[in-house]
Structures are given as C-alpha cells and as structure tokens.
Amino acid sequence: MLDRTSDTTLATEQPPADLVSELLMGMRLVGLDYRRIQMTPPFGIGFGEVEGRAQFHFVARGPVFLRSPEGVVHEMNAGDAVLLPRGGRHELSSAPDQPSRDIGGLNAAPLCRSVSAVKDCATETCRSQDALIFSGCMDFDLGSMHMMVGLMPEVLLVGTLLGRYPEILPMLEAMERETREERAGFAGILARLADVVSAFIVRAWVECGCGDSSGWVAALRDPRLGRVIAALHRDPGRNWTVAELAAEMNSSRSVFAERFLEVTGMTPVHYLTELRMRLAAQWIGRDRMPIETAAHRLGYSSQAAFSRAFKRITGHPPGGLKAPLS
C-alpha cells in the first residue's frame, strides 16, 4: 500500500457538510471502457487515448509505476488505486524508466459489455508474478460545479484517503479478489466497484477542502458566502439582484459585494454569467440541447442576447458547440 501518512493533496479545512452534499448532487461519473490487464515484466503501457476523460487504475498485483501527465512517478502496489480526474497522457510500467506502448495497440478480448481483457504474457498461461491491473476510462462531470475538475490535482491516490475514510478498504479488497480470481460475473462487478471507488475519491477531495484555498473554493469554506454560491448554482436562471444575494449572506449590499469580489476575484454578476455559460456549453455541446432552450432556462429573454453573452465569455458563438448526431 502507499504511505497513508503523507497526504499532500488534501487540506484539513472543510466546507460545510450540507454544501458538500449539494455540490455532489450533480456528479456524473460513468465508466465508458474498462480493461483487465495482465502483463509480464518488463512492460510499459501508455494511456490517454480519449482526451478529457477521467482515468481510473486499480493494481491487484504489482508493483506498478504510474508516470503522471506532468512526469511525476508514483509507485503502486497490490490494493492501490488512483483517479486521474482530467485523464491526460500517462503511463503504467514495471519500472520508472521503462518505455511504453499505447494501450490501444494491444490485443483486447471482450469479457462483457464495455469490459475487455488485455494479456501480454511471457507464457501462454501467464504467471502468478505477472502484474494485474483493472483500468477504466470515465465520463466525469460535476454539473454546475464542473469548474472543480480543473482545480483537482492531476492524480488522486486512494492510499492518502484510507486513514480518514476506512470504508474504502473493503471495496479495494473486493476489487483485488475479483481481479485475481475471475469468478462468474467478475467483469461487471469490477466495473461497478471502480465507479463507486472513483466517486468516493472525488467526495473525499471535496470534503477535505478541495485542496485549494483561493477563488471560489475559499468562498465555499466561508459559511455565509458558501450559501450565496450554492444559491447561484441551485438556480442560475433566476434574475438575481445584488440585494437578494446580500440577503442570502445576511449582510448589506456593499459588504457583500466587497467580500464576494475579494474572495472570488470577480463581481457577482460576472460570476453568474460565467456559470451560465459553462452550463450552456455542457447542455448544448454534450446534451445537444437547442440553443433557444438553453437561453430560456438560463434566464435570457432572447436567443440573440444569450448568444452575445456566450461569445463574450467563451470567445465563440454557441452554434459551434452543436455535436453531430452519431
């Protein structure tokens, strides 16, 4: 297991528990493609073929070395798991300096829907000392709080969480058994466990203060400002006034506006506009929502006014987000 005492990714100061629950209500973490990987050392595998997707890895038998997108090497042993919230090009290998091959170039045999087996072994039957890994490529979205993904560290190691969240350990032990023993239905069970463990990792990061003391994360830690942020995200289409937001904070308009700008670095109006445009980009680009519907839901009286605001914030018109039908 990884060293559980040296946690550099989690802070101790926490946002209010009810706000954490609200932040995570919109979390969408869905596995798209899983692989059970068995490799004889020496080996190196490169990941990151789907840009912008989260990546989960669990080591049932190691050691395995993870080289992060920024080139930092982490040793992982049996029972260790990691989530890379933004994915990115990274490698798993039998030694830190081992050259890698792209995972997409290795033969994969389907086990069940969305789960395949990758074997690259020295013998036909593989050996008990071969590395054994379960990996998942995931669609990761936090709804109106999706900007949190950009604040997350590139690597979230489960070993740093076990002291604070011991309930994760039985799930990791179950994953280790299922990966090694290949019992009936193991592929589907592993896929579901990977989703749950990944969600635990995300929740732990949020509960432990999001690892960042600046910007709107600092606002979340302020109970009064946190209520304002939650209200904006709960109802982004409302025609909010500064007076109404100040009332959420239980302060005067001048004190509220000054405090909001000091902590988040922007005015409440600018923050709300950016929030609306982030949501619109998700709805139009990912969910194929009509532009007119998105504009109406976000409180704009006309599509033209919405399009002007969208281009001002994002630099391009909303029509460019429309995804082609598959």
Protein backbone atom coordinates (compact mmCIF):
# COMPACT_ATOMS: atom_id res chain seq x y z
CA MET A 1 0.00 0.00 0.00
CA LEU A 2 1.02 3.61 -0.45
CA ASP A 3 2.18 5.68 2.51
CA ARG A 4 -1.03 6.89 4.13
CA THR A 5 0.56 9.49 6.37
CA SER A 6 2.00 11.90 3.79
CA ASP A 7 -1.13 13.44 2.24
CA THR A 8 -0.16 16.43 0.15
CA THR A 9 -3.34 16.61 -1.92
CA LEU A 10 -5.94 17.03 0.82
CA ALA A 11 -6.43 20.00 3.12
CA THR A 12 -7.90 19.79 6.60
CA GLU A 13 -10.25 22.77 6.39
CA GLN A 14 -13.65 21.61 5.17
CA PRO A 15 -16.63 23.34 3.56
CA PRO A 16 -19.98 22.85 5.36
CA ALA A 17 -21.32 19.28 5.09
CA ASP A 18 -24.67 20.32 3.61
CA LEU A 19 -22.87 22.32 0.93
CA VAL A 20 -20.67 19.31 0.09
CA SER A 21 -23.81 17.23 -0.41
CA GLU A 22 -25.26 19.87 -2.69
CA LEU A 23 -22.07 20.12 -4.72
CA LEU A 24 -22.04 16.39 -5.35
CA MET A 25 -25.72 16.06 -6.21
CA GLY A 26 -24.94 16.78 -9.85
CA MET A 27 -21.92 14.48 -10.06
CA ARG A 28 -21.88 12.26 -13.12
CA LEU A 29 -19.15 9.62 -13.12
CA VAL A 30 -19.85 6.91 -15.66
CA GLY A 31 -17.43 4.25 -16.84
CA LEU A 32 -17.17 4.04 -20.61
CA ASP A 33 -14.48 1.44 -21.21
CA TYR A 34 -12.77 -0.97 -18.79
CA ARG A 35 -9.80 -3.30 -19.17
CA ARG A 36 -8.43 -6.15 -17.09
CA ILE A 37 -4.72 -6.02 -17.92
CA GLN A 38 -2.21 -8.80 -17.24
CA MET A 39 1.40 -8.10 -18.20
CA THR A 40 4.73 -9.89 -17.75
CA PRO A 41 7.58 -7.53 -16.75
CA PRO A 42 9.25 -5.67 -18.28
CA PHE A 43 6.31 -3.70 -19.68
CA GLY A 44 5.10 -0.17 -20.22
CA ILE A 45 1.61 0.94 -21.25
CA GLY A 46 0.60 4.42 -22.39
CA PHE A 47 -2.91 5.83 -21.73
CA GLY A 48 -4.72 8.98 -22.69
CA GLU A 49 -6.29 7.97 -25.99
CA VAL A 50 -9.56 9.71 -25.07
CA GLU A 51 -8.72 13.35 -24.33
CA GLY A 52 -10.55 14.96 -21.44
CA ARG A 53 -11.84 11.72 -19.90
CA ALA A 54 -11.06 10.69 -16.35
CA GLN A 55 -8.96 7.55 -15.91
CA PHE A 56 -9.08 5.06 -13.03
CA HIS A 57 -6.47 2.38 -12.30
CA PHE A 58 -6.50 -0.36 -9.68
CA VAL A 59 -3.47 -2.61 -9.07
CA ALA A 60 -4.37 -6.15 -7.98
CA ARG A 61 -0.78 -7.35 -8.30
CA GLY A 62 2.28 -5.15 -8.60
CA PRO A 63 4.41 -3.26 -8.23
CA VAL A 64 3.36 -0.87 -10.99
CA PHE A 65 4.78 2.59 -11.57
CA LEU A 66 2.50 5.42 -12.67
CA ARG A 67 4.07 8.28 -14.61
CA SER A 68 1.62 11.20 -14.44
CA PRO A 69 0.87 13.65 -17.29
CA GLU A 70 3.42 16.02 -15.72
CA GLY A 71 6.03 13.28 -15.45
CA VAL A 72 5.80 12.58 -11.70
CA VAL A 73 6.34 8.89 -10.86
CA HIS A 74 4.22 7.12 -8.21
CA GLU A 75 4.80 3.54 -7.07
CA MET A 76 1.60 1.48 -6.75
CA ASN A 77 1.37 -1.91 -5.08
CA ALA A 78 -1.36 -4.51 -4.64
CA GLY A 79 -4.56 -2.84 -3.43
CA ASP A 80 -3.64 0.67 -4.60
CA ALA A 81 -5.99 2.74 -6.77
CA VAL A 82 -5.71 6.11 -8.46
CA LEU A 83 -8.04 8.52 -10.25
CA LEU A 84 -6.79 11.00 -12.84
CA PRO A 85 -9.76 13.41 -12.99
CA ARG A 86 -8.69 15.03 -16.27
CA GLY A 87 -7.00 11.98 -17.79
CA GLY A 88 -4.17 13.12 -19.99
CA ARG A 89 -1.23 11.17 -21.35
CA HIS A 90 0.21 8.91 -18.64
CA GLU A 91 1.93 5.53 -18.33
CA LEU A 92 1.87 2.39 -16.22
CA SER A 93 5.07 0.36 -16.24
CA SER A 94 7.12 -2.27 -14.42
CA ALA A 95 9.96 0.20 -13.84
CA PRO A 96 10.09 4.01 -13.76
CA ASP A 97 12.26 4.28 -16.89
CA GLN A 98 10.57 1.52 -18.94
CA PRO A 99 9.48 2.55 -22.49
CA SER A 100 5.75 2.25 -23.12
CA ARG A 101 3.41 1.10 -25.88
CA ASP A 102 -0.01 2.61 -26.42
CA ILE A 103 -2.79 0.58 -24.80
CA GLY A 104 -4.89 0.92 -27.95
CA GLY A 105 -2.32 -1.12 -29.88
CA LEU A 106 -2.62 -4.20 -27.65
CA ASN A 107 -4.99 -7.05 -28.44
CA ALA A 108 -8.15 -6.99 -26.31
CA ALA A 109 -10.70 -9.78 -25.89
CA PRO A 110 -14.24 -8.77 -24.82
CA LEU A 111 -15.37 -10.07 -21.42
CA CYS A 112 -18.77 -8.36 -21.28
CA ARG A 113 -20.29 -5.07 -22.39
CA SER A 114 -17.67 -2.30 -22.05
CA VAL A 115 -15.10 -4.62 -20.36
CA SER A 116 -12.23 -6.33 -22.17
CA ALA A 117 -9.17 -8.38 -21.27
CA VAL A 118 -5.65 -7.40 -22.32
CA LYS A 119 -2.94 -10.03 -21.88
CA ASP A 120 0.69 -9.67 -22.86
CA CYS A 121 2.40 -12.52 -21.02
CA ALA A 122 5.70 -14.32 -21.37
CA THR A 123 3.96 -17.71 -21.43
CA GLU A 124 0.64 -18.82 -22.86
CA THR A 125 -0.95 -19.34 -19.45
CA CYS A 126 0.56 -16.23 -17.81
CA ARG A 127 2.29 -16.40 -14.44
CA SER A 128 1.43 -15.60 -10.85
CA GLN A 129 4.08 -12.86 -10.73
CA ASP A 130 2.64 -11.00 -13.75
CA ALA A 131 1.27 -7.54 -13.00
CA LEU A 132 -2.52 -7.40 -12.79
CA ILE A 133 -4.38 -4.10 -13.32
CA PHE A 134 -8.01 -3.06 -13.72
CA SER A 135 -8.46 0.24 -15.59
CA GLY A 136 -11.43 2.35 -16.55
CA CYS A 137 -11.93 5.33 -18.82
CA MET A 138 -14.74 7.51 -17.39
CA ASP A 139 -17.04 10.34 -18.33
CA PHE A 140 -16.66 12.70 -15.36
CA ASP A 141 -18.91 15.71 -14.88
CA LEU A 142 -19.80 17.73 -11.78
CA GLY A 143 -22.77 19.56 -13.25
CA SER A 144 -22.88 23.22 -12.32
CA MET A 145 -19.72 22.70 -10.24
CA HIS A 146 -17.73 21.35 -13.17
CA MET A 147 -15.05 24.01 -12.67
CA MET A 148 -13.91 21.91 -9.69
CA VAL A 149 -12.40 19.40 -12.12
CA GLY A 150 -9.88 22.00 -13.23
CA LEU A 151 -8.88 22.63 -9.60
CA MET A 152 -8.24 18.97 -8.82
CA PRO A 153 -4.68 17.64 -8.76
CA GLU A 154 -3.74 15.59 -11.82
CA VAL A 155 -3.50 12.45 -9.66
CA LEU A 156 -5.70 11.45 -6.70
CA LEU A 157 -4.22 8.44 -4.90
CA VAL A 158 -6.55 6.36 -2.77
CA GLY A 159 -3.74 5.49 -0.36
CA THR A 160 -3.85 9.05 1.01
CA LEU A 161 -7.54 8.62 1.92
CA LEU A 162 -7.62 5.35 3.84
CA GLY A 163 -6.78 6.81 7.24
CA ARG A 164 -9.70 9.23 7.04
CA TYR A 165 -12.08 7.00 5.02
CA PRO A 166 -11.54 3.37 6.10
CA GLU A 167 -14.80 2.32 4.42
CA ILE A 168 -12.99 2.39 1.07
CA LEU A 169 -10.71 -0.50 2.12
CA PRO A 170 -13.32 -3.33 1.85
CA MET A 171 -14.13 -2.18 -1.69
CA LEU A 172 -10.46 -2.27 -2.65
CA GLU A 173 -10.13 -5.74 -1.14
CA ALA A 174 -13.18 -6.89 -3.11
CA MET A 175 -11.66 -5.46 -6.30
CA GLU A 176 -8.42 -7.34 -5.61
CA ARG A 177 -10.28 -10.66 -5.18
CA GLU A 178 -12.44 -10.18 -8.25
CA THR A 179 -9.49 -9.18 -10.44
CA ARG A 180 -7.35 -12.14 -9.35
CA GLU A 181 -9.97 -14.90 -9.22
CA GLU A 182 -12.06 -14.09 -12.34
CA ARG A 183 -15.22 -15.61 -10.87
CA ALA A 184 -18.54 -15.63 -12.74
CA GLY A 185 -19.64 -12.07 -13.46
CA PHE A 186 -16.38 -10.56 -12.19
CA ALA A 187 -16.02 -8.10 -15.08
CA GLY A 188 -19.33 -6.36 -14.43
CA ILE A 189 -18.76 -6.32 -10.66
CA LEU A 190 -15.33 -4.76 -11.12
CA ALA A 191 -16.75 -2.06 -13.39
CA ARG A 192 -19.35 -1.07 -10.78
CA LEU A 193 -16.79 -1.13 -7.95
CA ALA A 194 -14.45 1.08 -10.00
CA ASP A 195 -17.26 3.64 -10.42
CA VAL A 196 -18.03 3.64 -6.68
CA VAL A 197 -14.38 3.89 -5.57
CA SER A 198 -13.83 6.77 -8.00
CA ALA A 199 -16.87 8.59 -6.59
CA PHE A 200 -15.50 8.07 -3.05
CA ILE A 201 -12.19 9.60 -4.12
CA VAL A 202 -13.92 12.68 -5.53
CA ARG A 203 -16.12 13.11 -2.45
CA ALA A 204 -13.13 12.80 -0.13
CA TRP A 205 -11.28 15.52 -2.04
CA VAL A 206 -14.27 17.86 -1.81
CA GLU A 207 -14.92 17.12 1.87
CA CYS A 208 -11.28 17.77 2.71
CA GLY A 209 -11.45 21.29 1.35
CA CYS A 210 -10.74 20.78 -2.34
CA GLY A 211 -7.01 21.24 -1.78
CA ASP A 212 -7.13 24.89 -2.82
CA SER A 213 -7.59 27.97 -0.63
CA SER A 214 -8.13 30.54 -3.37
CA GLY A 215 -11.02 31.75 -5.51
CA TRP A 216 -14.47 30.32 -5.15
CA VAL A 217 -13.17 27.33 -3.15
CA ALA A 218 -12.36 29.79 -0.38
CA ALA A 219 -15.91 31.10 -0.75
CA LEU A 220 -17.23 27.60 -0.12
CA ARG A 221 -15.33 27.48 3.17
CA ASP A 222 -16.94 30.73 4.28
CA PRO A 223 -20.38 29.61 5.59
CA ARG A 224 -22.09 32.87 4.57
CA LEU A 225 -20.51 33.17 1.12
CA GLY A 226 -20.98 29.45 0.63
CA ARG A 227 -24.74 29.95 0.90
CA VAL A 228 -24.56 32.54 -1.88
CA ILE A 229 -22.51 30.27 -4.16
CA ALA A 230 -24.92 27.39 -3.53
CA ALA A 231 -27.92 29.62 -4.29
CA LEU A 232 -26.41 30.75 -7.60
CA HIS A 233 -25.64 27.20 -8.65
CA ARG A 234 -29.04 25.96 -7.48
CA ASP A 235 -30.93 28.50 -9.60
CA PRO A 236 -28.63 30.01 -12.26
CA GLY A 237 -31.56 31.13 -14.44
CA ARG A 238 -33.03 33.43 -11.81
CA ASN A 239 -32.73 37.17 -12.33
CA TRP A 240 -30.62 37.66 -9.21
CA THR A 241 -30.06 41.14 -7.80
CA VAL A 242 -27.21 42.18 -5.55
CA ALA A 243 -29.74 42.88 -2.81
CA GLU A 244 -31.10 39.31 -3.00
CA LEU A 245 -27.62 37.80 -2.88
CA ALA A 246 -26.65 40.06 0.03
CA ALA A 247 -29.74 38.79 1.85
CA GLU A 248 -28.52 35.19 1.31
CA MET A 249 -25.31 36.23 3.05
CA ASN A 250 -27.24 38.23 5.66
CA SER A 251 -25.21 41.38 5.07
CA SER A 252 -25.51 44.77 3.42
CA ARG A 253 -25.10 45.07 -0.35
CA SER A 254 -21.81 46.93 -0.05
CA VAL A 255 -20.27 44.45 2.40
CA PHE A 256 -21.46 41.51 0.30
CA ALA A 257 -20.16 42.92 -2.99
CA GLU A 258 -16.79 43.77 -1.47
CA ARG A 259 -16.42 40.36 0.17
CA PHE A 260 -17.51 38.46 -2.95
CA LEU A 261 -15.00 40.32 -5.13
CA GLU A 262 -12.23 39.90 -2.56
CA VAL A 263 -12.65 36.11 -2.34
CA THR A 264 -13.65 35.07 -5.88
CA GLY A 265 -11.81 37.76 -7.85
CA MET A 266 -14.93 38.78 -9.79
CA THR A 267 -18.22 40.58 -9.30
CA PRO A 268 -21.37 38.55 -8.57
CA VAL A 269 -22.80 39.47 -11.99
CA HIS A 270 -19.66 38.29 -13.79
CA TYR A 271 -19.57 35.08 -11.74
CA LEU A 272 -23.20 34.32 -12.59
CA THR A 273 -22.62 34.99 -16.29
CA GLU A 274 -19.60 32.66 -16.36
CA LEU A 275 -21.58 29.98 -14.52
CA ARG A 276 -24.43 30.25 -17.03
CA MET A 277 -22.09 29.96 -19.99
CA ARG A 278 -20.33 26.90 -18.54
CA LEU A 279 -23.70 25.23 -18.08
CA ALA A 280 -24.81 26.25 -21.56
CA ALA A 281 -21.65 24.77 -23.07
CA GLN A 282 -22.41 21.43 -21.40
CA TRP A 283 -26.09 21.42 -22.33
CA ILE A 284 -25.57 22.42 -25.96
CA GLY A 285 -22.32 20.56 -26.69
CA ARG A 286 -22.81 17.38 -24.66
CA ASP A 287 -26.58 17.04 -24.32
CA ARG A 288 -27.47 18.59 -27.71
CA MET A 289 -29.98 20.92 -26.13
CA PRO A 290 -31.36 23.51 -28.58
CA ILE A 291 -29.74 26.91 -28.11
CA GLU A 292 -33.13 28.57 -27.61
CA THR A 293 -33.99 26.14 -24.80
CA ALA A 294 -30.66 26.73 -23.04
CA ALA A 295 -31.10 30.51 -23.34
CA HIS A 296 -34.59 30.36 -21.83
CA ARG A 297 -33.53 28.04 -19.00
CA LEU A 298 -30.70 30.41 -18.07
CA GLY A 299 -32.95 33.46 -17.86
CA TYR A 300 -32.30 35.16 -21.21
CA SER A 301 -35.29 36.83 -22.87
CA SER A 302 -33.91 36.28 -26.37
CA GLN A 303 -31.54 33.90 -28.11
CA ALA A 304 -29.64 36.87 -29.52
CA ALA A 305 -28.89 38.26 -26.05
CA PHE A 306 -27.76 34.84 -24.89
CA SER A 307 -25.52 34.35 -27.94
CA ARG A 308 -23.84 37.71 -27.38
CA ALA A 309 -23.14 36.83 -23.74
CA PHE A 310 -21.89 33.39 -24.70
CA LYS A 311 -19.45 34.75 -27.28
CA ARG A 312 -18.25 37.46 -24.88
CA ILE A 313 -17.38 34.86 -22.22
CA THR A 314 -16.17 31.94 -24.36
CA GLY A 315 -14.85 33.70 -27.46
CA HIS A 316 -17.06 31.79 -29.90
CA PRO A 317 -20.79 31.53 -30.70
CA PRO A 318 -22.88 28.75 -29.16
CA GLY A 319 -23.74 27.30 -32.57
CA GLY A 320 -20.20 25.95 -32.86
CA LEU A 321 -20.86 23.57 -29.95
CA LYS A 322 -23.56 21.58 -31.64
CA ALA A 323 -22.30 18.00 -31.77
CA PRO A 324 -23.03 15.96 -34.90
CA LEU A 325 -25.51 13.14 -34.49
CA SER A 326 -23.82 9.74 -34.31
